[in-house]
């Protein structure tokens, strides 16, 4: 199963960004996303940012993931 998760961009260096999703920080490739800024949210899949996503929707999705992890 493949799952894409939203993540907040917290640092940008050339074609990579440091992102935060649910407290997990990871460096990802951002070649597929134009005009990315710190504070933007991206949909992350397989180590690549696929597209920008709305902040409110991203936060709702992260909250759902958090609730699901509590019920395991």
Foldseek 3Di string as FASTA:
>chain_A
DWDWAKWFFAADDVQWTWTDQPNDTDIAGEPQEPPDDHGWIFTDTPRYGNYTDDPVVRVVRSVVVVVVVVVD
